[in-house]
C-alpha atoms as a PDB file:
ATOM      1  CA  MET A   1      -4.177 -10.572   7.566  1.00  0.00           C
ATOM      2  CA  ALA A   2      -6.906 -12.037   5.362  1.00  0.00           C
ATOM      3  CA  GLU A   3     -10.075 -10.265   6.447  1.00  0.00           C
ATOM      4  CA  ASP A   4     -13.541  -9.744   4.763  1.00  0.00           C
ATOM      5  CA  ARG A   5     -14.452  -7.061   6.777  1.00  0.00           C
ATOM      6  CA  ASN A   6     -12.329  -4.155   5.814  1.00  0.00           C
ATOM      7  CA  ILE A   7     -12.512  -0.962   3.835  1.00  0.00           C
ATOM      8  CA  ILE A   8     -10.064   0.756   1.759  1.00  0.00           C
ATOM      9  CA  ILE A   9      -9.583   4.498   2.067  1.00  0.00           C
ATOM     10  CA  PRO A  10      -7.938   7.226  -0.125  1.00  0.00           C
ATOM     11  CA  GLN A  11      -4.761   8.374   1.672  1.00  0.00           C
ATOM     12  CA  HIS A  12      -5.919  11.807   1.396  1.00  0.00           C
ATOM     13  CA  LEU A  13      -8.874  10.869   3.844  1.00  0.00           C
ATOM     14  CA  TYR A  14      -7.268   8.427   5.837  1.00  0.00           C
ATOM     15  CA  THR A  15      -6.670   9.344   9.599  1.00  0.00           C
ATOM     16  CA  PRO A  16      -6.730   6.608  12.008  1.00  0.00           C
ATOM     17  CA  GLU A  17     -10.213   7.814  13.952  1.00  0.00           C
ATOM     18  CA  ALA A  18     -12.078   8.341  10.727  1.00  0.00           C
ATOM     19  CA  ALA A  19     -10.758   4.529   9.626  1.00  0.00           C
ATOM     20  CA  GLU A  20     -12.189   3.061  12.510  1.00  0.00           C
ATOM     21  CA  ASP A  21     -15.463   5.611  12.331  1.00  0.00           C
ATOM     22  CA  TRP A  22     -15.856   4.239   8.908  1.00  0.00           C
ATOM     23  CA  LEU A  23     -15.378   0.404   9.582  1.00  0.00           C
ATOM     24  CA  ARG A  24     -17.771   0.427  12.382  1.00  0.00           C
ATOM     25  CA  ARG A  25     -20.390   1.821  10.094  1.00  0.00           C
ATOM     26  CA  PHE A  26     -19.945  -0.943   7.661  1.00  0.00           C
ATOM     27  CA  HIS A  27     -19.096  -3.810   9.729  1.00  0.00           C
ATOM     28  CA  PHE A  28     -19.509  -5.173  12.907  1.00  0.00           C
ATOM     29  CA  ILE A  29     -16.574  -4.948  15.262  1.00  0.00           C
ATOM     30  CA  GLU A  30     -16.785  -7.163  18.200  1.00  0.00           C
ATOM     31  CA  PRO A  31     -15.520  -6.207  21.736  1.00  0.00           C
ATOM     32  CA  GLY A  32     -11.918  -7.187  22.078  1.00  0.00           C
ATOM     33  CA  GLU A  33     -11.216  -6.185  18.333  1.00  0.00           C
ATOM     34  CA  SER A  34      -9.415  -2.944  17.455  1.00  0.00           C
ATOM     35  CA  VAL A  35      -8.833  -1.417  13.780  1.00  0.00           C
ATOM     36  CA  TYR A  36      -5.581  -1.693  12.384  1.00  0.00           C
ATOM     37  CA  ALA A  37      -4.425  -0.266   9.246  1.00  0.00           C
ATOM     38  CA  THR A  38      -2.095  -1.664   6.452  1.00  0.00           C
ATOM     39  CA  PRO A  39      -0.796   1.382   4.044  1.00  0.00           C
ATOM     40  CA  VAL A  40      -0.823   0.274   0.286  1.00  0.00           C
ATOM     41  CA  ARG A  41       2.694   0.989  -0.588  1.00  0.00           C
ATOM     42  CA  GLN A  42       2.395   1.589  -4.580  1.00  0.00           C
ATOM     43  CA  GLN A  43       0.102   1.666  -7.118  1.00  0.00           C
ATOM     44  CA  VAL A  44      -3.133   2.555  -5.325  1.00  0.00           C
ATOM     45  CA  HIS A  45      -2.426   5.537  -2.770  1.00  0.00           C
ATOM     46  CA  ALA A  46      -4.798   4.218  -0.328  1.00  0.00           C
ATOM     47  CA  THR A  47      -4.871   2.334   3.312  1.00  0.00           C
ATOM     48  CA  VAL A  48      -6.591  -0.613   4.181  1.00  0.00           C
ATOM     49  CA  ALA A  49      -8.118  -0.737   7.701  1.00  0.00           C
ATOM     50  CA  TYR A  50      -9.295  -3.963   9.185  1.00  0.00           C
ATOM     51  CA  PRO A  51     -10.575  -5.429  12.520  1.00  0.00           C
ATOM     52  CA  LEU A  52      -8.120  -7.738  14.735  1.00  0.00           C
ATOM     53  CA  SER A  53      -8.337  -9.526  17.864  1.00  0.00           C
ATOM     54  CA  ASP A  54      -6.657  -7.890  20.502  1.00  0.00           C
ATOM     55  CA  LYS A  55      -5.752 -11.245  21.942  1.00  0.00           C
ATOM     56  CA  LEU A  56      -4.312 -12.364  18.952  1.00  0.00           C
ATOM     57  CA  HIS A  57      -2.443  -8.586  18.290  1.00  0.00           C
ATOM     58  CA  ILE A  58      -0.675  -9.394  22.000  1.00  0.00           C
ATOM     59  CA  LEU A  59       0.202 -12.961  21.462  1.00  0.00           C
ATOM     60  CA  LEU A  60       1.436 -11.865  17.682  1.00  0.00           C
ATOM     61  CA  GLN A  61       3.601  -8.814  19.354  1.00  0.00           C
ATOM     62  CA  LYS A  62       4.932 -11.114  22.247  1.00  0.00           C
ATOM     63  CA  TYR A  63       6.601 -13.859  20.178  1.00  0.00           C
ATOM     64  CA  PHE A  64       7.163 -12.153  16.683  1.00  0.00           C
ATOM     65  CA  VAL A  65       8.775  -8.722  18.389  1.00  0.00           C
ATOM     66  CA  GLU A  66       9.997  -7.439  14.971  1.00  0.00           C
ATOM     67  CA  GLY A  67       7.448  -8.771  12.509  1.00  0.00           C
ATOM     68  CA  ARG A  68       4.494  -6.729  11.399  1.00  0.00           C
ATOM     69  CA  ILE A  69       1.043  -7.199  10.993  1.00  0.00           C
ATOM     70  CA  ASP A  70      -0.457  -6.248   7.239  1.00  0.00           C
ATOM     71  CA  ALA A  71      -3.611  -6.962   5.360  1.00  0.00           C
ATOM     72  CA  ILE A  72      -3.358  -9.165   2.613  1.00  0.00           C
ATOM     73  CA  SER A  73      -5.592  -6.864   0.590  1.00  0.00           C
ATOM     74  CA  GLY A  74      -2.577  -4.111   1.096  1.00  0.00           C
ATOM     75  CA  MET A  75      -0.053  -6.749  -0.306  1.00  0.00           C
ATOM     76  CA  ILE A  76      -2.261  -7.688  -3.064  1.00  0.00           C
ATOM     77  CA  LEU A  77      -3.175  -4.245  -4.447  1.00  0.00           C
ATOM     78  CA  CYS A  78       0.352  -2.521  -4.610  1.00  0.00           C
ATOM     79  CA  GLN A  79       1.514  -5.402  -7.619  1.00  0.00           C
ATOM     80  CA  GLU A  80       1.826  -3.505 -10.598  1.00  0.00           C
ATOM     81  CA  ASN A  81      -1.139  -3.382 -12.847  1.00  0.00           C
ATOM     82  CA  THR A  82      -0.673  -2.960 -16.802  1.00  0.00           C
ATOM     83  CA  ALA A  83      -2.377   0.325 -17.828  1.00  0.00           C
ATOM     84  CA  GLY A  84      -4.860   0.053 -20.807  1.00  0.00           C
ATOM     85  CA  GLN A  85      -6.118  -3.627 -19.905  1.00  0.00           C
ATOM     86  CA  ASP A  86      -9.038  -5.354 -17.955  1.00  0.00           C
ATOM     87  CA  THR A  87      -8.168  -7.316 -15.490  1.00  0.00           C
ATOM     88  CA  ALA A  88      -9.034  -9.744 -12.764  1.00  0.00           C
ATOM     89  CA  ASP A  89      -6.407 -10.978 -10.278  1.00  0.00           C
ATOM     90  CA  ILE A  90      -7.674 -14.284  -8.309  1.00  0.00           C
ATOM     91  CA  THR A  91      -5.668 -15.017  -4.901  1.00  0.00           C
ATOM     92  CA  PHE A  92      -7.138 -18.362  -3.417  1.00  0.00           C
ATOM     93  CA  LEU A  93      -6.424 -18.579   0.317  1.00  0.00           C
ATOM     94  CA  ASP A  94      -7.349 -22.049   2.386  1.00  0.00           C
ATOM     95  CA  LYS A  95     -11.304 -20.661   2.537  1.00  0.00           C
ATOM     96  CA  LYS A  96     -11.376 -17.188   1.391  1.00  0.00           C
ATOM     97  CA  VAL A  97     -10.430 -15.993  -2.284  1.00  0.00           C
ATOM     98  CA  VAL A  98      -9.359 -12.342  -2.761  1.00  0.00           C
ATOM     99  CA  LEU A  99     -10.715 -10.798  -6.149  1.00  0.00           C
ATOM    100  CA  THR A 100      -9.007  -7.904  -7.322  1.00  0.00           C
ATOM    101  CA  LEU A 101     -10.830  -6.315 -10.691  1.00  0.00           C
ATOM    102  CA  ARG A 102      -9.417  -3.184 -13.109  1.00  0.00           C
ATOM    103  CA  ASN A 103     -10.678  -1.516 -15.593  1.00  0.00           C
ATOM    104  CA  ASN A 104      -7.905   0.317 -17.840  1.00  0.00           C
ATOM    105  CA  GLY A 105      -5.549  -0.669 -15.246  1.00  0.00           C
ATOM    106  CA  LYS A 106      -7.603   1.590 -12.686  1.00  0.00           C
ATOM    107  CA  LEU A 107      -8.801  -0.368  -9.541  1.00  0.00           C
ATOM    108  CA  LEU A 108     -12.810  -1.340  -9.884  1.00  0.00           C
ATOM    109  CA  ASN A 109     -13.354  -3.536  -7.545  1.00  0.00           C
ATOM    110  CA  HIS A 110     -11.344  -5.189  -4.477  1.00  0.00           C
ATOM    111  CA  GLN A 111     -12.973  -7.908  -2.441  1.00  0.00           C
ATOM    112  CA  ILE A 112     -12.154 -10.836   0.054  1.00  0.00           C
ATOM    113  CA  THR A 113     -14.889 -13.386   0.229  1.00  0.00           C
ATOM    114  CA  GLU A 114     -15.752 -17.136   1.187  1.00  0.00           C
ATOM    115  CA  THR A 115     -14.395 -19.459  -1.495  1.00  0.00           C
ATOM    116  CA  GLY A 116     -17.564 -21.238  -2.413  1.00  0.00           C
ATOM    117  CA  THR A 117     -18.074 -22.569  -5.909  1.00  0.00           C
ATOM    118  CA  ILE A 118     -16.113 -21.518  -9.369  1.00  0.00           C
ATOM    119  CA  GLU A 119     -19.536 -20.678 -10.550  1.00  0.00           C
ATOM    120  CA  ASN A 120     -20.184 -18.028  -7.833  1.00  0.00           C
ATOM    121  CA  LEU A 121     -17.427 -16.991  -8.328  1.00  0.00           C
ATOM    122  CA  VAL A 122     -17.596 -16.086 -11.831  1.00  0.00           C
ATOM    123  CA  TYR A 123     -20.918 -14.883 -11.631  1.00  0.00           C
ATOM    124  CA  LYS A 124     -19.346 -12.416  -9.050  1.00  0.00           C
ATOM    125  CA  ILE A 125     -17.294 -11.616 -12.164  1.00  0.00           C
ATOM    126  CA  ALA A 126     -19.808 -11.465 -14.478  1.00  0.00           C
ATOM    127  CA  LEU A 127     -21.610  -9.090 -12.442  1.00  0.00           C
ATOM    128  CA  ILE A 128     -18.808  -6.891 -12.126  1.00  0.00           C
ATOM    129  CA  CYS A 129     -17.572  -6.856 -15.600  1.00  0.00           C
ATOM    130  CA  GLU A 130     -21.576  -5.740 -16.541  1.00  0.00           C
ATOM    131  CA  ALA A 131     -21.861  -3.020 -14.345  1.00  0.00           C
ATOM    132  CA  ALA A 132     -18.646  -1.721 -15.506  1.00  0.00           C
ATOM    133  CA  GLY A 133     -19.222  -2.403 -19.528  1.00  0.00           C
ATOM    134  CA  ILE A 134     -15.904  -4.769 -19.422  1.00  0.00           C
ATOM    135  CA  ARG A 135     -16.512  -7.965 -21.852  1.00  0.00           C
ATOM    136  CA  GLN A 136     -15.476 -10.963 -19.848  1.00  0.00           C
ATOM    137  CA  ASP A 137     -14.216 -12.851 -22.893  1.00  0.00           C
ATOM    138  CA  GLU A 138     -11.866 -10.357 -23.148  1.00  0.00           C
ATOM    139  CA  LEU A 139     -10.925 -10.197 -19.320  1.00  0.00           C
ATOM    140  CA  LYS A 140      -7.259 -11.219 -18.742  1.00  0.00           C
ATOM    141  CA  VAL A 141      -7.438 -13.163 -15.553  1.00  0.00           C
ATOM    142  CA  SER A 142      -4.361 -13.956 -13.563  1.00  0.00           C
ATOM    143  CA  ILE A 143      -4.464 -16.879 -10.387  1.00  0.00           C
ATOM    144  CA  SER A 144      -2.042 -17.289  -7.431  1.00  0.00           C
ATOM    145  CA  GLY A 145      -2.750 -18.833  -4.456  1.00  0.00           C
ATOM    146  CA  LEU A 146      -2.945 -21.614  -1.810  1.00  0.00           C
ATOM    147  CA  CYS A 147      -5.248 -24.651  -2.198  1.00  0.00           C
ATOM    148  CA  LEU A 148      -5.664 -24.097  -5.763  1.00  0.00           C
ATOM    149  CA  THR A 149      -6.585 -27.490  -7.430  1.00  0.00           C
ATOM    150  CA  GLU A 150      -6.427 -28.744 -11.162  1.00  0.00           C
ATOM    151  CA  ASP A 151     -10.084 -28.942 -11.062  1.00  0.00           C
ATOM    152  CA  ASN A 152     -10.302 -25.206 -10.123  1.00  0.00           C
ATOM    153  CA  THR A 153      -7.467 -24.000 -13.124  1.00  0.00           C
ATOM    154  CA  ALA A 154      -9.586 -26.231 -15.329  1.00  0.00           C
ATOM    155  CA  GLU A 155     -13.094 -24.659 -14.604  1.00  0.00           C
ATOM    156  CA  LEU A 156     -11.772 -21.211 -14.738  1.00  0.00           C
ATOM    157  CA  LYS A 157     -10.433 -21.497 -17.770  1.00  0.00           C
ATOM    158  CA  ALA A 158     -13.505 -22.971 -19.026  1.00  0.00           C
ATOM    159  CA  TYR A 159     -14.992 -19.256 -18.213  1.00  0.00           C
ATOM    160  CA  PHE A 160     -11.695 -17.029 -19.034  1.00  0.00           C
ATOM    161  CA  PRO A 161     -10.023 -18.292 -22.421  1.00  0.00           C
ATOM    162  CA  LYS A 162      -6.958 -15.468 -21.573  1.00  0.00           C
ATOM    163  CA  MET A 163      -6.546 -16.829 -17.754  1.00  0.00           C
ATOM    164  CA  ASN A 164      -2.519 -17.261 -17.180  1.00  0.00           C
ATOM    165  CA  VAL A 165      -1.401 -19.203 -14.585  1.00  0.00           C
ATOM    166  CA  PRO A 166       2.472 -18.596 -13.587  1.00  0.00           C
ATOM    167  CA  GLY A 167       4.198 -21.393 -14.252  1.00  0.00           C
ATOM    168  CA  SER A 168       1.802 -23.918 -13.328  1.00  0.00           C
ATOM    169  CA  GLU A 169      -0.905 -24.674 -10.705  1.00  0.00           C
ATOM    170  CA  GLN A 170       1.358 -26.378  -8.941  1.00  0.00           C
ATOM    171  CA  PHE A 171       3.541 -23.237  -8.242  1.00  0.00           C
ATOM    172  CA  SER A 172       0.422 -20.887  -7.664  1.00  0.00           C
ATOM    173  CA  SER A 173       1.809 -20.651  -3.798  1.00  0.00           C
ATOM    174  CA  PHE A 174       5.221 -20.078  -4.909  1.00  0.00           C
ATOM    175  CA  THR A 175       3.751 -16.900  -7.152  1.00  0.00           C
ATOM    176  CA  LEU A 176       1.603 -15.455  -4.311  1.00  0.00           C
ATOM    177  CA  LEU A 177       4.865 -15.679  -2.207  1.00  0.00           C
ATOM    178  CA  SER A 178       6.554 -13.954  -4.591  1.00  0.00           C
ATOM    179  CA  LYS A 179       4.160 -10.983  -4.925  1.00  0.00           C
ATOM    180  CA  LEU A 180       3.922 -10.789  -1.042  1.00  0.00           C
ATOM    181  CA  ILE A 181       7.820 -10.570  -1.212  1.00  0.00           C
ATOM    182  CA  SER A 182       8.099  -7.918  -3.375  1.00  0.00           C
ATOM    183  CA  CYS A 183       5.190  -5.823  -1.850  1.00  0.00           C
ATOM    184  CA  ALA A 184       7.136  -6.308   1.653  1.00  0.00           C
ATOM    185  CA  SER A 185      10.274  -4.871   0.482  1.00  0.00           C
END
């Protein structure tokens, strides 16, 4: 699930009741939605809590008996990070972007937001970098995901000279898929 109404809870503070209470304090949970959680399996010892429609949950259980529902945040946060480096991992989805920033390998910011324009995305990154004292020109940026165009890639490269697109733009969805598979196994 790529839900922007989520919270990351350190594992030692996580209980299902606390997750539901905190999520309801920070986000509106509609009637007919319940709170679910995905543990981050590596790197960050935390759990991602998010709402899910009860009807969708029943439908998924009915047709995907052996499947499981996980937050995409849990999958992305389990990716190996490079200690000592300031990084931004940008994952493009259909209408959302998952943005994860690390300062010296430690999680600094993780958010799911509307795609919007590249300028707005760069501005968000710049604000986070400024608050953390990170030089934007030294930030190692990697991108992956779906619906990634060559125009988006070119625009981002203008702002981030150290940007990495594994393989090439046409293989960015395969990069995302391999990340998800490595965390699920």
